[in-house]
Amino acid sequence: MKVALVSVSNKEGIEDFCRELVKLGYAIFSTGGTAAALKRAGIAVVDVADYTGFPEIMDGRVKTLHPKVHGGILADRDKAHHRAAMEEHGIQAIDMVVVNLYPFEETVKKPNVTLEEAIENIDIGGPTMVRAAAKNHEHVIVLVDPGDYSWVLGALRERGNLTQEEHRRLAAKAFAHTGRYDSLITAYLEETLGEELPTNLGIFLSPKKSSDFLGTPLFFHKVQGLRYGENPHQKAAFYAEGGEPWGLARARQIQGKELSYNNLLDLHSVLALALEFQDPVAVIAKHNNPCGVAVGESLSQAYGKALGCDPVSAYGGIMAFNREVDGEAAREITKIFVEAIIAPGYTPEALEVFSAKANLRLLELNPWPEKLQGWDLRRVAGGLLVQEPDTLLMGDELRVVTKRGPTEEEWKDLTFAWRVVKHVKSNAIVLAREGQTVGIGAGQMSRVDSVKIAIMKARIPTRDSVLASDAFFPFPDGVEEGARAGVRAVIQPGGSIRDKEVIRAADRLGLAMVFTSMRHFRH
């Protein structure tokens, strides 16, 4: 008779699963609450304590940590001396381990949980059995996910066993299960020690704040394979962050072609920028840079203004809207070729309009997030760069540094432009007026060249616009170029050794200039 060792915290479907195992000729060994639940369901169960001849002790901390349990799991049935040891010590071969772990994650999410409570919910016997079974997966089926019960039963009924590939897939999932569990414990313990960044990087990062620290452990699972990466010769896939899905991993694709690697990069950039605004906003981007951004009283108005900034670059663009897209906006959008759109929702009329564009990728993200979360990660040769996301806007010292201060309208436009410029690749320059980008200069090695490009790219008059710079002006030339194009006010972090020269140039040209004391490089 085959033996299944069953000990689960998540008891979803376990009674039906064990009932079917018994029909397939398995004996059920179990412990504690699982054994009690199975007995109440009328399923014959052998208590592990009866099998080992050793009682549960220390409030249940020690019950499966016994040679008769782990010998039965770890024995290599192909080795004669392993079989001889089993016979000598009365060890029963265990053919299946069905285990999931103490609810540590749920426990520490509870308000006011104590360290003692958290520690008591760290499972030891469970991960030990899971890892043992996963190691010996050639001979043992290991199940940690109730979602696998059905297909495993189907395979056992049909073939009497699983293939070695199926054994290995279940083992990989089991190690991922214990790995994530360990990452959650590590994150919690490091957080209690006040660690802002982790001392070690594995599959986890300890968080900075306890309010949502377990929401985003650094653990990822593959959502979908992608056709290719940035280029056709590069393999790629999309991985969702562990815990509660959010952001693009939560978005629902309503229609259109399969998302590509580059689509997802651009969708991230437009989403991040759209999250800067409370008013209805339209964001159009190409190659990870915005080419048109505007706010309006309606999405249709905002879109028209955003498109007017750079209609040529908008062709084949990626778009984000922070309101439900209606039919009026949809009709305007479909007048040009668009790769993908992300929004909180779409009216039935909008969906009907968009349905005529079968390849257009429509993503619905509802609820719409308030901000980016989790760590910002970037791989470099031989290592990993880790930082907080850039969610702040202004520094502590927002100050006017010129003789003339901005007018009320200029203040509005300066704030708008500053929200946009933090999402443009450095060196970044944004010209704006009346809640609309006028020209955008991105990714230049020289800041003054970014100013020139922003002016050159403008399709609407630059006169009386404002200028935002993501970092300080090292020389007055950038401000002078802006003034020649009609710029009336400038917002920048300040901090150059030539700040005084730049301020004198602004005063000479009659410009208002504001220092934010916070830069927004985006490399």
Protein backbone atom coordinates (compact mmCIF):
# COMPACT_ATOMS: atom_id res chain seq x y z
CA MET A 1 0.00 0.00 0.00
CA LYS A 2 1.28 3.48 -0.90
CA VAL A 3 1.40 6.18 1.76
CA ALA A 4 0.49 9.86 1.53
CA LEU A 5 1.64 12.10 4.40
CA VAL A 6 -0.85 14.96 4.69
CA SER A 7 -0.43 18.05 6.90
CA VAL A 8 -1.92 21.29 5.59
CA SER A 9 -2.69 24.75 6.91
CA ASN A 10 -4.74 25.57 3.82
CA LYS A 11 -7.35 22.83 3.88
CA GLU A 12 -9.01 23.81 0.61
CA GLY A 13 -10.11 20.63 -1.17
CA ILE A 14 -8.10 18.35 1.10
CA GLU A 15 -11.00 16.11 2.18
CA ASP A 16 -12.07 15.31 -1.38
CA PHE A 17 -8.45 14.83 -2.41
CA CYS A 18 -7.72 12.35 0.38
CA ARG A 19 -10.99 10.52 -0.19
CA GLU A 20 -9.91 9.91 -3.80
CA LEU A 21 -6.42 8.88 -2.71
CA VAL A 22 -7.91 6.19 -0.48
CA LYS A 23 -9.86 4.87 -3.48
CA LEU A 24 -6.55 4.71 -5.38
CA GLY A 25 -5.05 2.53 -2.63
CA TYR A 26 -3.22 5.12 -0.52
CA ALA A 27 -3.00 5.06 3.26
CA ILE A 28 -3.23 8.53 4.79
CA PHE A 29 -0.74 9.49 7.50
CA SER A 30 -1.50 12.81 9.18
CA THR A 31 -1.10 15.02 12.24
CA GLY A 32 -2.92 17.56 14.40
CA GLY A 33 -5.73 19.60 12.91
CA THR A 34 -5.48 17.96 9.50
CA ALA A 35 -5.90 14.48 10.97
CA ALA A 36 -8.88 15.66 13.02
CA ALA A 37 -10.54 17.23 9.96
CA LEU A 38 -10.06 14.09 7.87
CA LYS A 39 -11.42 11.85 10.61
CA ARG A 40 -14.51 14.06 10.92
CA ALA A 41 -14.99 13.59 7.18
CA GLY A 42 -14.98 9.81 7.66
CA ILE A 43 -11.56 9.22 6.14
CA ALA A 44 -9.32 6.59 7.71
CA VAL A 45 -6.16 8.22 9.05
CA VAL A 46 -3.00 6.89 10.70
CA ASP A 47 -1.71 9.37 13.26
CA VAL A 48 1.97 10.07 12.75
CA ALA A 49 2.51 9.71 16.51
CA ASP A 50 1.11 6.15 16.35
CA TYR A 51 3.36 5.34 13.40
CA THR A 52 6.55 6.74 14.97
CA GLY A 53 5.73 5.60 18.49
CA PHE A 54 6.67 9.08 19.71
CA PRO A 55 4.07 11.65 20.86
CA GLU A 56 3.79 15.26 19.75
CA ILE A 57 5.71 17.39 22.26
CA MET A 58 6.50 21.04 23.01
CA ASP A 59 3.08 22.37 21.98
CA GLY A 60 3.33 20.57 18.66
CA ARG A 61 6.72 22.04 17.75
CA VAL A 62 8.05 18.49 17.44
CA LYS A 63 5.82 15.94 15.79
CA THR A 64 7.09 15.04 12.28
CA LEU A 65 10.79 15.63 12.98
CA HIS A 66 11.48 11.90 13.33
CA PRO A 67 13.69 9.39 11.45
CA LYS A 68 10.68 7.20 10.61
CA VAL A 69 9.09 10.17 8.84
CA HIS A 70 12.15 11.57 7.09
CA GLY A 71 13.65 8.18 6.38
CA GLY A 72 10.40 7.27 4.64
CA ILE A 73 10.53 10.46 2.56
CA LEU A 74 14.25 10.57 1.75
CA ALA A 75 14.99 6.89 1.09
CA ASP A 76 16.35 6.22 -2.39
CA ARG A 77 14.35 3.15 -3.32
CA ASP A 78 16.90 2.22 -6.02
CA LYS A 79 19.64 1.67 -3.43
CA ALA A 80 19.71 -1.69 -1.64
CA HIS A 81 21.31 -0.33 1.53
CA HIS A 82 18.56 2.32 1.81
CA ARG A 83 15.93 -0.39 1.51
CA ALA A 84 17.80 -2.49 4.08
CA ALA A 85 17.90 0.44 6.52
CA MET A 86 14.16 0.94 6.10
CA GLU A 87 13.49 -2.72 6.86
CA GLU A 88 15.86 -2.76 9.83
CA HIS A 89 14.28 0.28 11.47
CA GLY A 90 10.66 -0.36 10.53
CA ILE A 91 10.45 2.63 8.20
CA GLN A 92 7.47 2.81 5.83
CA ALA A 93 8.14 4.33 2.41
CA ILE A 94 6.22 7.61 2.00
CA ASP A 95 5.19 8.08 -1.62
CA MET A 96 3.44 11.43 -1.45
CA VAL A 97 3.85 14.51 0.77
CA VAL A 98 0.92 16.94 0.81
CA VAL A 99 1.99 19.88 2.94
CA ASN A 100 1.51 23.63 3.04
CA LEU A 101 2.81 25.81 5.78
CA TYR A 102 1.75 27.64 8.92
CA PRO A 103 0.04 30.92 7.96
CA PHE A 104 2.99 33.18 8.76
CA GLU A 105 2.08 35.76 6.11
CA GLU A 106 -1.53 36.06 7.28
CA THR A 107 -0.39 36.25 10.91
CA VAL A 108 2.04 39.14 10.50
CA LYS A 109 -0.43 41.12 8.40
CA LYS A 110 -2.76 41.32 11.39
CA PRO A 111 -2.71 44.64 13.24
CA ASN A 112 -0.62 44.76 16.41
CA VAL A 113 0.80 41.26 15.93
CA THR A 114 3.56 40.55 18.44
CA LEU A 115 6.98 39.15 17.66
CA GLU A 116 6.10 36.12 19.82
CA GLU A 117 2.99 35.40 17.74
CA ALA A 118 4.97 35.76 14.53
CA ILE A 119 7.71 33.42 15.73
CA GLU A 120 5.16 30.77 16.78
CA ASN A 121 3.80 30.81 13.22
CA ILE A 122 7.14 29.95 11.66
CA ASP A 123 6.73 26.40 10.40
CA ILE A 124 9.72 24.08 10.81
CA GLY A 125 8.44 20.55 10.28
CA GLY A 126 6.43 21.54 7.19
CA PRO A 127 9.30 23.09 5.18
CA THR A 128 11.54 20.22 6.26
CA MET A 129 9.14 17.62 4.88
CA VAL A 130 8.51 19.64 1.72
CA ARG A 131 12.21 20.11 1.02
CA ALA A 132 12.93 16.45 1.76
CA ALA A 133 10.22 15.31 -0.63
CA ALA A 134 11.31 17.82 -3.27
CA LYS A 135 14.91 16.60 -2.99
CA ASN A 136 13.76 12.99 -3.42
CA HIS A 137 11.20 13.90 -6.07
CA GLU A 138 12.28 11.01 -8.29
CA HIS A 139 10.47 8.74 -5.82
CA VAL A 140 8.07 11.09 -4.01
CA ILE A 141 5.21 13.28 -5.20
CA VAL A 142 5.26 16.61 -3.35
CA LEU A 143 2.16 18.84 -3.34
CA VAL A 144 2.05 22.34 -1.84
CA ASP A 145 -0.68 23.89 -4.00
CA PRO A 146 -4.34 22.78 -3.80
CA GLY A 147 -4.60 23.83 -7.43
CA ASP A 148 -2.56 20.75 -8.36
CA TYR A 149 -4.81 18.20 -6.65
CA SER A 150 -7.14 17.72 -9.60
CA TRP A 151 -4.59 17.04 -12.34
CA VAL A 152 -2.49 14.81 -10.08
CA LEU A 153 -5.54 12.68 -9.32
CA GLY A 154 -6.34 12.54 -13.03
CA ALA A 155 -2.84 11.34 -13.87
CA LEU A 156 -2.90 8.71 -11.10
CA ARG A 157 -6.27 7.38 -12.27
CA GLU A 158 -5.18 7.29 -15.91
CA ARG A 159 -1.57 6.10 -15.66
CA GLY A 160 -1.11 5.02 -12.04
CA ASN A 161 1.83 7.40 -11.66
CA LEU A 162 3.31 10.72 -12.74
CA THR A 163 6.07 11.26 -15.27
CA GLN A 164 9.52 12.27 -14.02
CA GLU A 165 9.01 15.68 -15.61
CA GLU A 166 5.79 16.09 -13.62
CA HIS A 167 7.59 15.02 -10.44
CA ARG A 168 10.28 17.62 -11.16
CA ARG A 169 7.77 20.41 -11.86
CA LEU A 170 6.08 19.76 -8.53
CA ALA A 171 9.48 19.74 -6.81
CA ALA A 172 10.38 23.09 -8.37
CA LYS A 173 7.09 24.55 -7.15
CA ALA A 174 7.75 23.12 -3.69
CA PHE A 175 11.17 24.77 -3.45
CA ALA A 176 9.64 28.04 -4.67
CA HIS A 177 6.98 27.69 -1.97
CA THR A 178 9.52 27.26 0.83
CA GLY A 179 11.75 29.91 -0.72
CA ARG A 180 8.99 32.50 -0.67
CA TYR A 181 8.10 31.45 2.88
CA ASP A 182 11.69 32.02 3.98
CA SER A 183 11.77 35.38 2.18
CA LEU A 184 8.68 36.53 4.09
CA ILE A 185 10.22 35.54 7.40
CA THR A 186 13.49 37.25 6.50
CA ALA A 187 11.69 40.42 5.46
CA TYR A 188 9.71 40.48 8.71
CA LEU A 189 12.72 39.89 10.97
CA GLU A 190 14.88 42.44 9.16
CA GLU A 191 12.05 44.96 9.37
CA THR A 192 11.87 44.48 13.14
CA LEU A 193 15.59 45.32 13.23
CA GLY A 194 14.97 48.58 11.38
CA GLU A 195 16.85 47.60 8.24
CA GLU A 196 16.14 50.07 5.40
CA LEU A 197 17.93 48.00 2.78
CA PRO A 198 18.69 44.32 3.16
CA THR A 199 22.08 43.09 4.13
CA ASN A 200 21.80 40.21 1.69
CA LEU A 201 20.09 39.83 -1.67
CA GLY A 202 18.58 36.51 -2.54
CA ILE A 203 14.97 36.15 -3.53
CA PHE A 204 13.93 38.75 -1.00
CA LEU A 205 14.38 42.36 -0.02
CA SER A 206 13.55 43.57 3.44
CA PRO A 207 11.19 46.55 3.29
CA LYS A 208 11.51 49.97 4.79
CA LYS A 209 8.06 50.41 6.31
CA SER A 210 5.91 47.94 8.18
CA SER A 211 2.61 49.31 6.86
CA ASP A 212 2.78 47.20 3.71
CA PHE A 213 6.08 45.40 4.10
CA LEU A 214 4.78 41.96 3.21
CA GLY A 215 2.84 43.14 0.19
CA THR A 216 5.82 43.02 -2.15
CA PRO A 217 8.57 40.57 -1.19
CA LEU A 218 11.17 40.19 -3.90
CA PHE A 219 9.72 36.98 -5.22
CA PHE A 220 8.48 36.66 -8.76
CA HIS A 221 6.57 34.11 -10.77
CA LYS A 222 6.27 33.95 -14.53
CA VAL A 223 2.98 35.32 -15.86
CA GLN A 224 3.65 34.80 -19.53
CA GLY A 225 6.39 34.17 -22.01
CA LEU A 226 6.95 36.98 -24.47
CA ARG A 227 7.66 36.55 -28.17
CA TYR A 228 11.06 38.15 -27.64
CA GLY A 229 12.79 40.88 -25.68
CA GLU A 230 13.83 44.34 -26.84
CA ASN A 231 15.00 42.68 -30.05
CA PRO A 232 13.94 39.46 -31.79
CA HIS A 233 17.14 37.61 -30.88
CA GLN A 234 16.54 38.08 -27.12
CA LYS A 235 14.36 35.68 -25.11
CA ALA A 236 12.03 37.31 -22.59
CA ALA A 237 9.17 36.74 -20.16
CA PHE A 238 6.97 38.79 -17.84
CA TYR A 239 7.15 38.00 -14.13
CA ALA A 240 4.66 39.20 -11.53
CA GLU A 241 5.81 40.24 -8.10
CA GLY A 242 4.81 37.94 -5.22
CA GLY A 243 1.99 38.83 -2.88
CA GLU A 244 -1.10 40.74 -3.95
CA PRO A 245 -0.89 41.49 -7.71
CA TRP A 246 -0.68 45.18 -8.58
CA GLY A 247 0.28 47.42 -11.47
CA LEU A 248 0.72 45.80 -14.86
CA ALA A 249 0.54 42.34 -13.30
CA ARG A 250 -3.02 43.16 -12.21
CA ALA A 251 -4.13 44.75 -15.49
CA ARG A 252 -6.67 42.86 -17.59
CA GLN A 253 -6.13 42.83 -21.33
CA ILE A 254 -9.49 43.34 -23.01
CA GLN A 255 -8.45 43.10 -26.64
CA GLY A 256 -5.54 43.28 -29.03
CA LYS A 257 -2.35 41.45 -29.88
CA GLU A 258 -0.13 39.83 -27.28
CA LEU A 259 1.84 42.32 -25.23
CA SER A 260 5.51 42.61 -26.09
CA TYR A 261 8.52 43.33 -23.89
CA ASN A 262 8.72 46.89 -25.23
CA ASN A 263 4.96 47.39 -24.81
CA LEU A 264 5.29 46.56 -21.13
CA LEU A 265 8.21 48.94 -20.65
CA ASP A 266 6.25 51.76 -22.29
CA LEU A 267 3.07 50.90 -20.40
CA HIS A 268 5.02 51.16 -17.16
CA SER A 269 6.33 54.59 -18.12
CA VAL A 270 2.92 56.02 -19.09
CA LEU A 271 1.27 54.52 -16.00
CA ALA A 272 3.92 56.02 -13.71
CA LEU A 273 3.44 59.45 -15.28
CA ALA A 274 -0.36 59.29 -15.22
CA LEU A 275 -0.20 58.54 -11.49
CA GLU A 276 1.26 62.04 -10.95
CA PHE A 277 -2.11 63.67 -11.70
CA GLN A 278 -5.52 63.90 -10.06
CA ASP A 279 -7.17 65.89 -12.88
CA PRO A 280 -8.13 64.04 -16.07
CA VAL A 281 -4.84 63.42 -17.86
CA ALA A 282 -3.71 61.95 -21.17
CA VAL A 283 -0.18 60.60 -21.54
CA ILE A 284 1.33 59.59 -24.87
CA ALA A 285 4.78 57.99 -24.94
CA LYS A 286 7.27 56.48 -27.37
CA HIS A 287 10.35 54.49 -26.38
CA ASN A 288 9.95 55.17 -22.67
CA ASN A 289 9.69 58.93 -23.08
CA PRO A 290 6.51 61.03 -23.05
CA CYS A 291 5.89 62.84 -26.33
CA GLY A 292 2.68 64.54 -25.20
CA VAL A 293 1.01 65.08 -21.83
CA ALA A 294 -1.97 67.25 -20.96
CA VAL A 295 -4.73 67.72 -18.41
CA GLY A 296 -8.25 68.85 -19.30
CA GLU A 297 -11.83 69.05 -18.15
CA SER A 298 -12.49 65.81 -20.03
CA LEU A 299 -10.34 62.99 -21.38
CA SER A 300 -11.19 64.01 -24.91
CA GLN A 301 -9.92 67.53 -24.27
CA ALA A 302 -6.81 66.26 -22.48
CA TYR A 303 -6.07 63.85 -25.33
CA GLY A 304 -6.42 66.54 -27.98
CA LYS A 305 -3.97 68.77 -26.12
CA ALA A 306 -1.51 65.91 -25.55
CA LEU A 307 -1.62 64.92 -29.22
CA GLY A 308 -1.05 68.52 -30.26
CA CYS A 309 2.35 68.55 -28.58
CA ASP A 310 3.92 66.06 -31.03
CA PRO A 311 1.44 64.36 -33.38
CA VAL A 312 4.23 62.85 -35.46
CA SER A 313 5.84 61.00 -32.55
CA ALA A 314 2.41 59.99 -31.21
CA TYR A 315 1.95 57.65 -34.20
CA GLY A 316 2.40 54.11 -32.85
CA GLY A 317 2.46 55.42 -29.29
CA ILE A 318 1.48 53.97 -25.93
CA MET A 319 -1.18 55.87 -23.97
CA ALA A 320 -2.46 56.13 -20.41
CA PHE A 321 -5.61 57.80 -19.10
CA ASN A 322 -6.53 58.14 -15.43
CA ARG A 323 -10.28 58.14 -16.08
CA GLU A 324 -12.68 55.75 -17.79
CA VAL A 325 -12.29 56.24 -21.53
CA ASP A 326 -15.57 57.28 -23.15
CA GLY A 327 -16.81 57.07 -26.72
CA GLU A 328 -15.86 60.64 -27.59
CA ALA A 329 -12.25 60.11 -26.56
CA ALA A 330 -12.14 56.70 -28.25
CA ARG A 331 -13.24 58.17 -31.60
CA GLU A 332 -10.43 60.72 -31.46
CA ILE A 333 -7.83 58.16 -30.41
CA THR A 334 -8.64 55.76 -33.25
CA LYS A 335 -7.86 58.43 -35.86
CA ILE A 336 -4.18 57.47 -35.53
CA PHE A 337 -2.32 54.19 -35.09
CA VAL A 338 -1.90 53.35 -31.39
CA GLU A 339 -0.04 50.33 -29.98
CA ALA A 340 -1.60 50.08 -26.51
CA ILE A 341 -3.76 51.94 -23.97
CA ILE A 342 -4.05 51.53 -20.21
CA ALA A 343 -6.90 53.09 -18.22
CA PRO A 344 -9.15 52.36 -15.22
CA GLY A 345 -11.95 51.34 -17.58
CA TYR A 346 -13.80 51.84 -20.86
CA THR A 347 -17.45 52.62 -21.54
CA PRO A 348 -19.39 50.18 -23.74
CA GLU A 349 -19.42 52.84 -26.47
CA ALA A 350 -15.62 53.16 -26.27
CA LEU A 351 -15.18 49.39 -26.47
CA GLU A 352 -17.36 49.28 -29.56
CA VAL A 353 -15.26 52.00 -31.20
CA PHE A 354 -12.01 50.30 -30.28
CA SER A 355 -13.24 46.90 -31.50
CA ALA A 356 -12.72 48.13 -35.05
CA LYS A 357 -8.99 48.21 -34.28
CA ALA A 358 -8.49 44.50 -33.57
CA ASN A 359 -4.73 44.76 -32.96
CA LEU A 360 -5.00 47.65 -30.49
CA ARG A 361 -4.05 46.39 -27.04
CA LEU A 362 -6.51 47.61 -24.40
CA LEU A 363 -5.60 47.15 -20.74
CA GLU A 364 -7.96 47.82 -17.86
CA LEU A 365 -6.38 48.51 -14.46
CA ASN A 366 -9.08 48.78 -11.82
CA PRO A 367 -8.70 49.83 -9.09
CA TRP A 368 -6.30 52.46 -10.36
CA PRO A 369 -3.24 52.54 -8.06
CA GLU A 370 -2.36 55.64 -6.06
CA LYS A 371 1.38 55.33 -6.56
CA LEU A 372 4.22 53.02 -7.50
CA GLN A 373 5.29 50.61 -4.79
CA GLY A 374 8.06 48.16 -4.03
CA TRP A 375 11.74 48.50 -4.83
CA ASP A 376 13.12 49.83 -8.10
CA LEU A 377 15.56 47.18 -9.34
CA ARG A 378 18.09 47.33 -12.13
CA ARG A 379 20.61 44.70 -13.12
CA VAL A 380 24.21 45.70 -13.77
CA ALA A 381 27.18 43.55 -14.68
CA GLY A 382 27.84 41.29 -11.72
CA GLY A 383 25.19 42.73 -9.45
CA LEU A 384 21.92 44.49 -8.79
CA LEU A 385 21.10 48.14 -8.10
CA VAL A 386 18.27 48.69 -5.63
CA GLN A 387 16.50 51.95 -4.84
CA GLU A 388 13.18 53.31 -3.69
CA PRO A 389 10.85 54.42 -6.49
CA ASP A 390 10.90 58.16 -7.23
CA THR A 391 7.50 59.02 -5.75
CA LEU A 392 8.31 62.43 -4.25
CA LEU A 393 7.83 65.70 -6.12
CA MET A 394 9.41 68.73 -4.45
CA GLY A 395 12.15 69.13 -1.85
CA ASP A 396 11.77 70.81 1.53
CA GLU A 397 12.98 74.17 0.21
CA LEU A 398 10.80 75.31 -2.69
CA ARG A 399 11.92 78.89 -3.23
CA VAL A 400 11.82 81.71 -5.75
CA VAL A 401 15.40 82.79 -6.49
CA THR A 402 14.82 85.58 -9.03
CA LYS A 403 13.67 89.16 -8.57
CA ARG A 404 10.38 88.32 -10.28
CA GLY A 405 8.21 85.58 -8.85
CA PRO A 406 5.91 83.40 -10.97
CA THR A 407 2.34 84.53 -11.63
CA GLU A 408 -0.51 82.31 -10.47
CA GLU A 409 -0.83 80.79 -13.94
CA GLU A 410 2.93 80.29 -14.19
CA TRP A 411 2.94 78.46 -10.85
CA LYS A 412 0.30 76.05 -12.19
CA ASP A 413 2.29 75.43 -15.34
CA LEU A 414 5.57 75.06 -13.47
CA THR A 415 4.05 72.41 -11.21
CA PHE A 416 2.58 70.61 -14.23
CA ALA A 417 5.90 70.68 -16.09
CA TRP A 418 7.77 69.47 -12.99
CA ARG A 419 5.46 66.44 -12.69
CA VAL A 420 6.20 65.56 -16.31
CA VAL A 421 9.95 66.18 -16.38
CA LYS A 422 10.65 63.58 -13.68
CA HIS A 423 9.45 60.94 -16.17
CA VAL A 424 11.61 62.07 -19.09
CA LYS A 425 15.02 60.49 -19.67
CA SER A 426 17.91 62.68 -18.50
CA ASN A 427 19.02 65.21 -19.50
CA ALA A 428 15.35 66.22 -19.48
CA ILE A 429 13.68 69.47 -20.45
CA VAL A 430 9.92 70.10 -20.66
CA LEU A 431 8.23 73.20 -22.03
CA ALA A 432 4.59 73.60 -20.98
CA ARG A 433 1.70 76.03 -21.03
CA GLU A 434 -1.90 75.86 -19.80
CA GLY A 435 -1.69 72.25 -18.61
CA GLN A 436 -0.13 70.99 -21.84
CA THR A 437 3.38 69.98 -22.84
CA VAL A 438 4.66 72.22 -25.63
CA GLY A 439 8.02 70.61 -26.30
CA ILE A 440 10.08 67.80 -24.73
CA GLY A 441 13.84 67.30 -24.95
CA ALA A 442 15.10 63.95 -23.67
CA GLY A 443 18.23 61.89 -23.16
CA GLN A 444 20.91 64.31 -24.35
CA MET A 445 24.46 64.41 -23.04
CA SER A 446 24.30 68.23 -22.90
CA ARG A 447 21.48 70.02 -21.09
CA VAL A 448 21.46 72.95 -23.48
CA ASP A 449 20.96 70.51 -26.36
CA SER A 450 17.88 69.13 -24.60
CA VAL A 451 16.53 72.69 -24.43
CA LYS A 452 17.17 73.16 -28.15
CA ILE A 453 15.45 69.85 -28.97
CA ALA A 454 12.41 70.71 -26.83
CA ILE A 455 12.08 73.99 -28.75
CA MET A 456 12.69 72.29 -32.10
CA LYS A 457 10.10 69.57 -31.36
CA ALA A 458 7.38 72.08 -30.42
CA ARG A 459 4.40 72.05 -32.77
CA ILE A 460 2.58 74.80 -30.94
CA PRO A 461 3.94 78.27 -30.02
CA THR A 462 6.54 78.30 -27.25
CA ARG A 463 5.91 81.93 -26.33
CA ASP A 464 4.83 82.42 -22.69
CA SER A 465 5.60 78.79 -21.86
CA VAL A 466 7.45 77.59 -18.76
CA LEU A 467 10.49 75.36 -18.65
CA ALA A 468 11.25 72.45 -16.28
CA SER A 469 14.71 70.91 -15.98
CA ASP A 470 15.19 67.63 -14.12
CA ALA A 471 18.59 68.76 -12.77
CA PHE A 472 20.45 72.03 -12.38
CA PHE A 473 21.74 74.18 -15.24
CA PRO A 474 25.56 74.02 -15.20
CA PHE A 475 25.72 77.19 -17.30
CA PRO A 476 23.31 80.05 -18.17
CA ASP A 477 23.10 78.94 -21.84
CA GLY A 478 20.09 76.66 -21.29
CA VAL A 479 18.08 79.42 -19.68
CA GLU A 480 19.12 81.85 -22.43
CA GLU A 481 17.98 79.40 -25.14
CA GLY A 482 14.63 79.07 -23.41
CA ALA A 483 14.18 82.82 -23.13
CA ARG A 484 14.85 83.26 -26.85
CA ALA A 485 11.95 80.86 -27.50
CA GLY A 486 9.60 82.87 -25.26
CA VAL A 487 9.92 80.96 -21.97
CA ARG A 488 8.71 83.12 -19.07
CA ALA A 489 9.45 80.97 -16.01
CA VAL A 490 11.82 78.14 -15.08
CA ILE A 491 11.71 75.39 -12.46
CA GLN A 492 14.86 73.43 -11.61
CA PRO A 493 16.51 71.83 -8.56
CA GLY A 494 19.38 74.27 -8.21
CA GLY A 495 22.71 73.21 -6.73
CA SER A 496 25.19 74.17 -9.44
CA ILE A 497 28.40 76.00 -8.55
CA ARG A 498 27.21 78.52 -11.16
CA ASP A 499 23.70 79.01 -9.71
CA LYS A 500 24.40 82.71 -9.21
CA GLU A 501 25.34 83.14 -12.87
CA VAL A 502 22.18 81.30 -13.95
CA ILE A 503 20.01 83.43 -11.64
CA ARG A 504 21.61 86.66 -12.93
CA ALA A 505 20.87 85.57 -16.49
CA ALA A 506 17.24 84.87 -15.57
CA ASP A 507 16.92 88.32 -13.93
CA ARG A 508 18.49 89.99 -16.94
CA LEU A 509 15.97 88.23 -19.20
CA GLY A 510 12.97 88.99 -16.96
CA LEU A 511 12.31 85.33 -16.10
CA ALA A 512 10.90 83.93 -12.88
CA MET A 513 12.92 81.00 -11.53
CA VAL A 514 12.06 78.47 -8.81
CA PHE A 515 14.44 76.07 -7.11
CA THR A 516 12.88 72.80 -5.87
CA SER A 517 15.93 71.45 -3.96
CA MET A 518 15.10 68.01 -5.44
CA ARG A 519 16.30 66.59 -8.74
CA HIS A 520 14.70 63.84 -10.81
CA PHE A 521 17.33 62.08 -12.91
CA ARG A 522 15.95 59.20 -14.94
CA HIS A 523 18.79 57.26 -16.52
